[in-house]
C-alpha atoms as a PDB file:
ATOM      1  CA  MET A   1      -0.167  -0.137   0.120  1.00  0.00           C
ATOM      2  CA  VAL A   2       1.444   3.424  -1.024  1.00  0.00           C
ATOM      3  CA  LEU A   3       0.970   5.973   1.708  1.00  0.00           C
ATOM      4  CA  ASP A   4      -0.297   9.565   0.918  1.00  0.00           C
ATOM      5  CA  LYS A   5       1.806  12.436   1.796  1.00  0.00           C
ATOM      6  CA  PRO A   6      -0.080  13.775   4.934  1.00  0.00           C
ATOM      7  CA  THR A   7       0.088  10.048   6.321  1.00  0.00           C
ATOM      8  CA  LYS A   8       3.867   9.656   5.609  1.00  0.00           C
ATOM      9  CA  ALA A   9       4.366  13.049   7.244  1.00  0.00           C
ATOM     10  CA  ARG A  10       2.594  12.211  10.258  1.00  0.00           C
ATOM     11  CA  GLY A  11       4.452   8.857  10.597  1.00  0.00           C
ATOM     12  CA  PHE A  12       7.714  10.791  10.007  1.00  0.00           C
ATOM     13  CA  ILE A  13       6.815  13.476  13.088  1.00  0.00           C
ATOM     14  CA  THR A  14       5.796  10.239  15.041  1.00  0.00           C
ATOM     15  CA  GLU A  15       9.043   8.472  14.588  1.00  0.00           C
ATOM     16  CA  LEU A  16      11.189  11.528  15.556  1.00  0.00           C
ATOM     17  CA  ALA A  17       9.272  12.140  18.807  1.00  0.00           C
ATOM     18  CA  ALA A  18       9.746   8.332  19.619  1.00  0.00           C
ATOM     19  CA  ARG A  19      13.290   8.817  19.197  1.00  0.00           C
ATOM     20  CA  GLY A  20      13.179  12.050  21.492  1.00  0.00           C
ATOM     21  CA  ARG A  21      13.589  14.414  18.837  1.00  0.00           C
ATOM     22  CA  TYR A  22      11.148  17.516  18.686  1.00  0.00           C
ATOM     23  CA  SER A  23      12.561  19.471  16.021  1.00  0.00           C
ATOM     24  CA  PHE A  24      13.465  18.923  12.101  1.00  0.00           C
ATOM     25  CA  THR A  25      14.207  20.779   8.915  1.00  0.00           C
ATOM     26  CA  SER A  26      12.517  21.077   5.924  1.00  0.00           C
ATOM     27  CA  ALA A  27      15.344  19.510   4.002  1.00  0.00           C
ATOM     28  CA  GLU A  28      15.352  16.430   6.353  1.00  0.00           C
ATOM     29  CA  ALA A  29      11.332  16.321   5.844  1.00  0.00           C
ATOM     30  CA  VAL A  30      11.939  16.224   1.981  1.00  0.00           C
ATOM     31  CA  SER A  31      14.371  13.581   2.193  1.00  0.00           C
ATOM     32  CA  ARG A  32      12.461  11.409   4.750  1.00  0.00           C
ATOM     33  CA  LEU A  33       9.038  11.645   2.731  1.00  0.00           C
ATOM     34  CA  GLY A  34      10.722  11.369  -0.802  1.00  0.00           C
ATOM     35  CA  SER A  35       8.916  14.130  -2.279  1.00  0.00           C
ATOM     36  CA  SER A  36       9.212  17.644  -3.808  1.00  0.00           C
ATOM     37  CA  LYS A  37       9.722  20.727  -1.789  1.00  0.00           C
ATOM     38  CA  ASP A  38       6.206  21.841  -2.710  1.00  0.00           C
ATOM     39  CA  ALA A  39       4.647  18.783  -1.885  1.00  0.00           C
ATOM     40  CA  THR A  40       6.425  18.367   1.542  1.00  0.00           C
ATOM     41  CA  LYS A  41       5.499  21.872   2.266  1.00  0.00           C
ATOM     42  CA  LEU A  42       1.858  21.105   1.621  1.00  0.00           C
ATOM     43  CA  ALA A  43       1.855  17.988   3.843  1.00  0.00           C
ATOM     44  CA  LEU A  44       3.571  19.930   6.789  1.00  0.00           C
ATOM     45  CA  ASN A  45       1.107  22.904   6.528  1.00  0.00           C
ATOM     46  CA  ARG A  46      -1.540  20.278   6.985  1.00  0.00           C
ATOM     47  CA  LEU A  47      -0.012  19.106  10.214  1.00  0.00           C
ATOM     48  CA  ILE A  48       0.315  22.879  11.207  1.00  0.00           C
ATOM     49  CA  LYS A  49      -3.457  23.474  10.757  1.00  0.00           C
ATOM     50  CA  GLN A  50      -3.823  20.355  13.056  1.00  0.00           C
ATOM     51  CA  GLY A  51      -1.600  21.826  15.573  1.00  0.00           C
ATOM     52  CA  ALA A  52       0.742  18.765  15.521  1.00  0.00           C
ATOM     53  CA  VAL A  53       3.741  20.967  14.268  1.00  0.00           C
ATOM     54  CA  ALA A  54       4.610  24.682  14.208  1.00  0.00           C
ATOM     55  CA  SER A  55       7.549  26.569  12.321  1.00  0.00           C
ATOM     56  CA  PRO A  56       9.216  28.966  14.723  1.00  0.00           C
ATOM     57  CA  GLY A  57      11.568  29.901  11.491  1.00  0.00           C
ATOM     58  CA  ARG A  58      12.191  29.613   8.175  1.00  0.00           C
ATOM     59  CA  GLY A  59      12.850  25.783   7.335  1.00  0.00           C
ATOM     60  CA  PHE A  60      12.672  24.780  10.832  1.00  0.00           C
ATOM     61  CA  TYR A  61       9.832  22.864  12.286  1.00  0.00           C
ATOM     62  CA  ILE A  62       8.998  21.708  15.835  1.00  0.00           C
ATOM     63  CA  ILE A  63       6.604  18.773  16.979  1.00  0.00           C
ATOM     64  CA  VAL A  64       3.948  20.059  19.480  1.00  0.00           C
ATOM     65  CA  PRO A  65       3.081  17.276  21.799  1.00  0.00           C
ATOM     66  CA  PRO A  66      -0.411  16.979  23.081  1.00  0.00           C
ATOM     67  CA  GLU A  67       0.195  18.786  26.385  1.00  0.00           C
ATOM     68  CA  TYR A  68       1.272  21.795  24.711  1.00  0.00           C
ATOM     69  CA  ARG A  69      -1.500  22.118  21.748  1.00  0.00           C
ATOM     70  CA  THR A  70      -3.050  24.801  23.536  1.00  0.00           C
ATOM     71  CA  LEU A  71       0.035  26.656  23.624  1.00  0.00           C
ATOM     72  CA  GLY A  72       0.380  26.210  19.993  1.00  0.00           C
ATOM     73  CA  SER A  73       4.205  25.371  20.380  1.00  0.00           C
ATOM     74  CA  LEU A  74       6.817  23.970  22.471  1.00  0.00           C
ATOM     75  CA  PRO A  75       7.784  26.416  25.356  1.00  0.00           C
ATOM     76  CA  ALA A  76      10.832  28.585  23.843  1.00  0.00           C
ATOM     77  CA  ASP A  77      13.299  27.042  26.182  1.00  0.00           C
ATOM     78  CA  GLN A  78      12.934  23.492  24.477  1.00  0.00           C
ATOM     79  CA  PHE A  79      13.248  24.697  20.934  1.00  0.00           C
ATOM     80  CA  ILE A  80      15.724  27.924  20.924  1.00  0.00           C
ATOM     81  CA  PRO A  81      18.834  25.858  21.087  1.00  0.00           C
ATOM     82  CA  ALA A  82      17.918  23.922  18.151  1.00  0.00           C
ATOM     83  CA  LEU A  83      16.599  26.691  16.145  1.00  0.00           C
ATOM     84  CA  MET A  84      19.704  28.650  16.976  1.00  0.00           C
ATOM     85  CA  ALA A  85      21.850  25.433  15.956  1.00  0.00           C
ATOM     86  CA  HIS A  86      19.965  25.478  12.846  1.00  0.00           C
ATOM     87  CA  TYR A  87      20.871  29.149  12.055  1.00  0.00           C
ATOM     88  CA  GLY A  88      24.771  28.544  13.054  1.00  0.00           C
ATOM     89  CA  ARG A  89      24.138  31.428  15.392  1.00  0.00           C
ATOM     90  CA  PRO A  90      25.710  31.790  19.000  1.00  0.00           C
ATOM     91  CA  TYR A  91      23.014  32.710  21.556  1.00  0.00           C
ATOM     92  CA  TYR A  92      22.211  32.753  25.344  1.00  0.00           C
ATOM     93  CA  ALA A  93      18.628  33.105  27.147  1.00  0.00           C
ATOM     94  CA  GLY A  94      19.209  36.425  28.935  1.00  0.00           C
ATOM     95  CA  LEU A  95      17.874  39.416  30.912  1.00  0.00           C
ATOM     96  CA  LEU A  96      14.398  38.975  32.193  1.00  0.00           C
ATOM     97  CA  THR A  97      14.376  35.329  31.238  1.00  0.00           C
ATOM     98  CA  ALA A  98      17.863  34.637  32.715  1.00  0.00           C
ATOM     99  CA  ALA A  99      16.692  36.145  35.979  1.00  0.00           C
ATOM    100  CA  GLN A 100      13.826  33.946  36.429  1.00  0.00           C
ATOM    101  CA  TYR A 101      16.206  30.759  36.444  1.00  0.00           C
ATOM    102  CA  TYR A 102      17.884  32.271  39.182  1.00  0.00           C
ATOM    103  CA  GLY A 103      14.830  32.882  41.232  1.00  0.00           C
ATOM    104  CA  ALA A 104      14.178  36.563  40.357  1.00  0.00           C
ATOM    105  CA  ALA A 105      10.478  36.178  38.909  1.00  0.00           C
ATOM    106  CA  HIS A 106       9.257  39.439  40.342  1.00  0.00           C
ATOM    107  CA  HIS A 107       7.595  40.361  36.991  1.00  0.00           C
ATOM    108  CA  ARG A 108       7.295  37.320  34.652  1.00  0.00           C
ATOM    109  CA  PRO A 109       8.450  38.309  31.221  1.00  0.00           C
ATOM    110  CA  GLN A 110       5.666  38.135  28.306  1.00  0.00           C
ATOM    111  CA  GLU A 111       8.396  36.957  26.043  1.00  0.00           C
ATOM    112  CA  PHE A 112      11.470  34.832  26.096  1.00  0.00           C
ATOM    113  CA  GLN A 113      14.450  36.881  25.730  1.00  0.00           C
ATOM    114  CA  VAL A 114      17.485  35.742  23.798  1.00  0.00           C
ATOM    115  CA  VAL A 115      20.718  37.460  22.988  1.00  0.00           C
ATOM    116  CA  THR A 116      22.365  36.550  19.772  1.00  0.00           C
ATOM    117  CA  ALA A 117      24.490  38.115  16.980  1.00  0.00           C
ATOM    118  CA  PRO A 118      23.860  39.197  14.160  1.00  0.00           C
ATOM    119  CA  ALA A 119      20.378  41.097  14.867  1.00  0.00           C
ATOM    120  CA  ARG A 120      17.440  38.913  14.438  1.00  0.00           C
ATOM    121  CA  ARG A 121      13.641  39.778  14.119  1.00  0.00           C
ATOM    122  CA  PRO A 122      11.408  38.616  17.001  1.00  0.00           C
ATOM    123  CA  THR A 123       9.348  35.309  16.348  1.00  0.00           C
ATOM    124  CA  GLU A 124       5.954  34.486  17.284  1.00  0.00           C
ATOM    125  CA  VAL A 125       4.633  30.689  17.188  1.00  0.00           C
ATOM    126  CA  GLY A 126       1.438  30.049  18.825  1.00  0.00           C
ATOM    127  CA  SER A 127       1.294  31.891  22.282  1.00  0.00           C
ATOM    128  CA  VAL A 128       4.984  31.889  22.425  1.00  0.00           C
ATOM    129  CA  ARG A 129       7.068  35.187  21.500  1.00  0.00           C
ATOM    130  CA  VAL A 130      10.836  35.210  21.476  1.00  0.00           C
ATOM    131  CA  ALA A 131      12.540  38.471  21.474  1.00  0.00           C
ATOM    132  CA  PHE A 132      16.398  38.915  20.111  1.00  0.00           C
ATOM    133  CA  PHE A 133      18.840  41.235  21.694  1.00  0.00           C
ATOM    134  CA  LEU A 134      22.186  42.019  19.803  1.00  0.00           C
ATOM    135  CA  ARG A 135      25.522  41.935  21.567  1.00  0.00           C
ATOM    136  CA  LYS A 136      28.371  41.880  19.002  1.00  0.00           C
ATOM    137  CA  ASN A 137      31.077  40.286  21.297  1.00  0.00           C
ATOM    138  CA  ILE A 138      28.565  37.525  22.099  1.00  0.00           C
ATOM    139  CA  ARG A 139      31.540  34.779  21.883  1.00  0.00           C
ATOM    140  CA  GLU A 140      33.200  36.588  24.813  1.00  0.00           C
ATOM    141  CA  ILE A 141      30.370  36.458  27.101  1.00  0.00           C
ATOM    142  CA  VAL A 142      30.212  33.916  30.004  1.00  0.00           C
ATOM    143  CA  THR A 143      27.304  31.444  30.149  1.00  0.00           C
ATOM    144  CA  GLN A 144      26.495  28.225  31.705  1.00  0.00           C
ATOM    145  CA  ASP A 145      24.023  25.259  30.604  1.00  0.00           C
ATOM    146  CA  LEU A 146      20.842  24.572  32.452  1.00  0.00           C
ATOM    147  CA  ASN A 147      18.636  21.575  31.631  1.00  0.00           C
ATOM    148  CA  THR A 148      15.314  21.607  30.095  1.00  0.00           C
ATOM    149  CA  PRO A 149      13.062  18.498  29.107  1.00  0.00           C
ATOM    150  CA  ARG A 150      14.412  18.413  25.683  1.00  0.00           C
ATOM    151  CA  GLY A 151      18.065  19.007  26.548  1.00  0.00           C
ATOM    152  CA  THR A 152      20.207  21.878  27.556  1.00  0.00           C
ATOM    153  CA  LEU A 153      19.808  25.714  27.489  1.00  0.00           C
ATOM    154  CA  ARG A 154      22.577  28.111  27.129  1.00  0.00           C
ATOM    155  CA  VAL A 155      21.931  31.002  29.872  1.00  0.00           C
ATOM    156  CA  SER A 156      23.929  34.132  30.930  1.00  0.00           C
ATOM    157  CA  THR A 157      25.308  33.897  34.396  1.00  0.00           C
ATOM    158  CA  PRO A 158      23.923  36.098  37.187  1.00  0.00           C
ATOM    159  CA  GLU A 159      26.603  38.380  36.782  1.00  0.00           C
ATOM    160  CA  VAL A 160      26.059  38.876  33.110  1.00  0.00           C
ATOM    161  CA  THR A 161      22.411  38.843  33.516  1.00  0.00           C
ATOM    162  CA  ALA A 162      22.863  41.902  35.678  1.00  0.00           C
ATOM    163  CA  LEU A 163      24.831  43.848  33.593  1.00  0.00           C
ATOM    164  CA  ASP A 164      22.601  43.041  30.671  1.00  0.00           C
ATOM    165  CA  LEU A 165      19.552  44.102  32.481  1.00  0.00           C
ATOM    166  CA  VAL A 166      21.240  47.447  33.105  1.00  0.00           C
ATOM    167  CA  GLY A 167      22.361  47.694  29.219  1.00  0.00           C
ATOM    168  CA  TYR A 168      18.977  47.016  27.736  1.00  0.00           C
ATOM    169  CA  GLN A 169      16.959  48.728  30.348  1.00  0.00           C
ATOM    170  CA  GLU A 170      14.717  50.702  27.818  1.00  0.00           C
ATOM    171  CA  ARG A 171      13.588  47.549  26.118  1.00  0.00           C
ATOM    172  CA  ILE A 172      12.602  45.715  29.354  1.00  0.00           C
ATOM    173  CA  GLY A 173      10.532  48.239  31.389  1.00  0.00           C
ATOM    174  CA  GLY A 174      13.066  50.807  32.502  1.00  0.00           C
ATOM    175  CA  LEU A 175      15.192  51.173  35.614  1.00  0.00           C
ATOM    176  CA  GLU A 176      12.873  50.677  38.037  1.00  0.00           C
ATOM    177  CA  GLN A 177      12.022  47.170  36.631  1.00  0.00           C
ATOM    178  CA  VAL A 178      15.945  46.673  36.440  1.00  0.00           C
ATOM    179  CA  ALA A 179      16.314  47.611  40.206  1.00  0.00           C
ATOM    180  CA  THR A 180      13.199  45.265  41.397  1.00  0.00           C
ATOM    181  CA  VAL A 181      14.715  42.310  39.402  1.00  0.00           C
ATOM    182  CA  LEU A 182      18.246  43.158  40.800  1.00  0.00           C
ATOM    183  CA  ALA A 183      16.819  43.117  44.414  1.00  0.00           C
ATOM    184  CA  ASP A 184      15.806  39.181  43.806  1.00  0.00           C
ATOM    185  CA  LEU A 185      18.983  38.585  41.939  1.00  0.00           C
ATOM    186  CA  ALA A 186      21.651  39.937  43.973  1.00  0.00           C
ATOM    187  CA  GLY A 187      21.864  37.039  46.103  1.00  0.00           C
ATOM    188  CA  GLU A 188      23.188  35.039  43.319  1.00  0.00           C
ATOM    189  CA  ILE A 189      25.849  37.554  42.214  1.00  0.00           C
ATOM    190  CA  ASP A 190      29.463  36.720  43.170  1.00  0.00           C
ATOM    191  CA  PRO A 191      31.404  40.174  43.293  1.00  0.00           C
ATOM    192  CA  ASP A 192      34.510  39.093  41.804  1.00  0.00           C
ATOM    193  CA  LYS A 193      32.761  37.349  38.892  1.00  0.00           C
ATOM    194  CA  LEU A 194      30.811  40.568  38.470  1.00  0.00           C
ATOM    195  CA  ALA A 195      33.997  42.695  37.955  1.00  0.00           C
ATOM    196  CA  ALA A 196      35.220  39.926  35.542  1.00  0.00           C
ATOM    197  CA  ALA A 197      31.916  40.056  33.451  1.00  0.00           C
ATOM    198  CA  ALA A 198      32.220  43.927  33.381  1.00  0.00           C
ATOM    199  CA  LYS A 199      35.299  43.485  31.362  1.00  0.00           C
ATOM    200  CA  THR A 200      33.116  42.156  28.483  1.00  0.00           C
ATOM    201  CA  SER A 201      30.647  45.126  28.798  1.00  0.00           C
ATOM    202  CA  PRO A 202      30.575  48.738  28.313  1.00  0.00           C
ATOM    203  CA  ILE A 203      32.056  50.708  31.199  1.00  0.00           C
ATOM    204  CA  PRO A 204      28.689  52.448  31.670  1.00  0.00           C
ATOM    205  CA  TRP A 205      26.765  49.537  32.236  1.00  0.00           C
ATOM    206  CA  ALA A 206      29.091  48.887  35.183  1.00  0.00           C
ATOM    207  CA  GLN A 207      28.842  52.443  36.592  1.00  0.00           C
ATOM    208  CA  ARG A 208      24.808  52.341  36.592  1.00  0.00           C
ATOM    209  CA  LEU A 209      24.757  48.689  38.051  1.00  0.00           C
ATOM    210  CA  GLY A 210      26.931  49.600  40.821  1.00  0.00           C
ATOM    211  CA  TYR A 211      24.853  52.477  41.766  1.00  0.00           C
ATOM    212  CA  LEU A 212      21.767  50.351  41.709  1.00  0.00           C
ATOM    213  CA  LEU A 213      23.095  47.526  43.570  1.00  0.00           C
ATOM    214  CA  GLU A 214      24.003  50.205  46.440  1.00  0.00           C
ATOM    215  CA  ARG A 215      20.532  51.776  45.823  1.00  0.00           C
ATOM    216  CA  ILE A 216      18.837  48.307  46.680  1.00  0.00           C
ATOM    217  CA  GLU A 217      20.988  47.780  49.776  1.00  0.00           C
ATOM    218  CA  ALA A 218      23.503  45.194  48.167  1.00  0.00           C
ATOM    219  CA  PRO A 219      26.933  47.137  48.430  1.00  0.00           C
ATOM    220  CA  ASP A 220      28.793  43.814  49.039  1.00  0.00           C
ATOM    221  CA  ARG A 221      27.889  42.561  45.707  1.00  0.00           C
ATOM    222  CA  ALA A 222      29.343  45.775  44.117  1.00  0.00           C
ATOM    223  CA  LYS A 223      32.770  46.077  45.900  1.00  0.00           C
ATOM    224  CA  SER A 224      34.951  44.570  43.336  1.00  0.00           C
ATOM    225  CA  LEU A 225      32.890  46.240  40.676  1.00  0.00           C
ATOM    226  CA  LYS A 226      33.752  49.624  42.287  1.00  0.00           C
ATOM    227  CA  ALA A 227      37.348  49.278  42.119  1.00  0.00           C
ATOM    228  CA  TYR A 228      37.075  48.163  38.619  1.00  0.00           C
ATOM    229  CA  VAL A 229      35.031  51.318  37.634  1.00  0.00           C
ATOM    230  CA  GLY A 230      37.579  53.436  39.567  1.00  0.00           C
ATOM    231  CA  ASN A 231      40.370  52.030  37.370  1.00  0.00           C
ATOM    232  CA  HIS A 232      38.718  52.076  34.104  1.00  0.00           C
ATOM    233  CA  ALA A 233      35.920  54.682  33.980  1.00  0.00           C
ATOM    234  CA  ARG A 234      37.270  57.842  32.387  1.00  0.00           C
ATOM    235  CA  ASP A 235      34.070  59.847  31.927  1.00  0.00           C
ATOM    236  CA  VAL A 236      31.031  60.697  33.956  1.00  0.00           C
ATOM    237  CA  THR A 237      27.845  59.159  32.592  1.00  0.00           C
ATOM    238  CA  ARG A 238      24.158  59.610  33.081  1.00  0.00           C
ATOM    239  CA  LEU A 239      22.089  57.177  35.043  1.00  0.00           C
ATOM    240  CA  LEU A 240      19.376  57.355  32.241  1.00  0.00           C
ATOM    241  CA  PRO A 241      21.176  58.055  29.202  1.00  0.00           C
ATOM    242  CA  SER A 242      17.922  58.679  27.405  1.00  0.00           C
ATOM    243  CA  ALA A 243      16.775  61.498  29.925  1.00  0.00           C
ATOM    244  CA  ALA A 244      17.894  65.197  29.344  1.00  0.00           C
ATOM    245  CA  THR A 245      16.591  65.868  32.808  1.00  0.00           C
ATOM    246  CA  GLU A 246      18.244  68.156  35.555  1.00  0.00           C
ATOM    247  CA  ILE A 247      20.925  66.271  37.728  1.00  0.00           C
ATOM    248  CA  ILE A 248      19.948  65.377  41.101  1.00  0.00           C
ATOM    249  CA  GLU A 249      23.242  64.380  42.296  1.00  0.00           C
ATOM    250  CA  ARG A 250      26.870  63.699  41.100  1.00  0.00           C
ATOM    251  CA  ASN A 251      27.858  60.175  42.597  1.00  0.00           C
ATOM    252  CA  GLY A 252      31.763  60.264  42.614  1.00  0.00           C
ATOM    253  CA  ASP A 253      32.358  56.589  43.392  1.00  0.00           C
ATOM    254  CA  TRP A 254      30.583  55.510  40.195  1.00  0.00           C
ATOM    255  CA  LYS A 255      31.212  58.806  38.081  1.00  0.00           C
ATOM    256  CA  LEU A 256      27.548  59.058  37.596  1.00  0.00           C
ATOM    257  CA  ASP A 257      24.941  61.821  37.146  1.00  0.00           C
ATOM    258  CA  VAL A 258      22.255  60.475  38.759  1.00  0.00           C
ATOM    259  CA  ASN A 259      19.449  62.398  36.621  1.00  0.00           C
ATOM    260  CA  VAL A 260      16.224  60.002  37.690  1.00  0.00           C
ATOM    261  CA  SER A 261      14.895  58.832  40.936  1.00  0.00           C
ATOM    262  CA  VAL A 262      14.861  54.882  41.100  1.00  0.00           C
ATOM    263  CA  GLU A 263      12.504  53.405  43.481  1.00  0.00           C
ATOM    264  CA  PRO A 264      12.434  49.488  43.167  1.00  0.00           C
ATOM    265  CA  GLU A 265       9.532  47.451  44.426  1.00  0.00           C
ATOM    266  CA  LEU A 266      10.898  45.831  47.310  1.00  0.00           C
END
């Protein structure tokens, strides 16, 4: 009996799932189904309409198990490693997403935040939204692997996470949001590792972060960072770079013009 393409396509994803694989490429599907690109795409589109498959990126598909059908996708942490490998791009889960893994879940992000290079547009699949942030020197950034139900996920360390939160504050809710998350994250930060991580970040990020750590009453986490800033910061920077507001105070320790009042939700 010759199976039709939809039946063969369903058999293909069933076989992959049975082997613990929940992603595949369009090229793999064409080879496995033995059909043209157009016929394969049509068969996969039928599976997408049925909710069995989703496509978070061009030429890349994920299998959606029954328990995630209402989500319309695997959770992002279960497909991002394979997606980024498919595109051959370095990455790490960062910012508010990384902070959650370290217990800083004061505000649950509405998107899964990934740092990568080069720049990439956001992607949505089902109810899952992934936002991408650019770091040109990403290969220098310290990360660690965390286990997920589908493998491992590369995540920024607590120290890198803290610096990134400050660096991208405008995209994640502003400085008060950053200070609130830092209050939860501070206990995970190693002071010496923070100073080391600052070497791969712009100096103004370290200046602003040090001030905020003292503002949330975690000065012990900023001791090594203060020495680093003292030795390397040549210019005074503003706490909020986008605000042309009156200077409230000049903080000499961090070479920082405080031009906004930050009140974390402690």
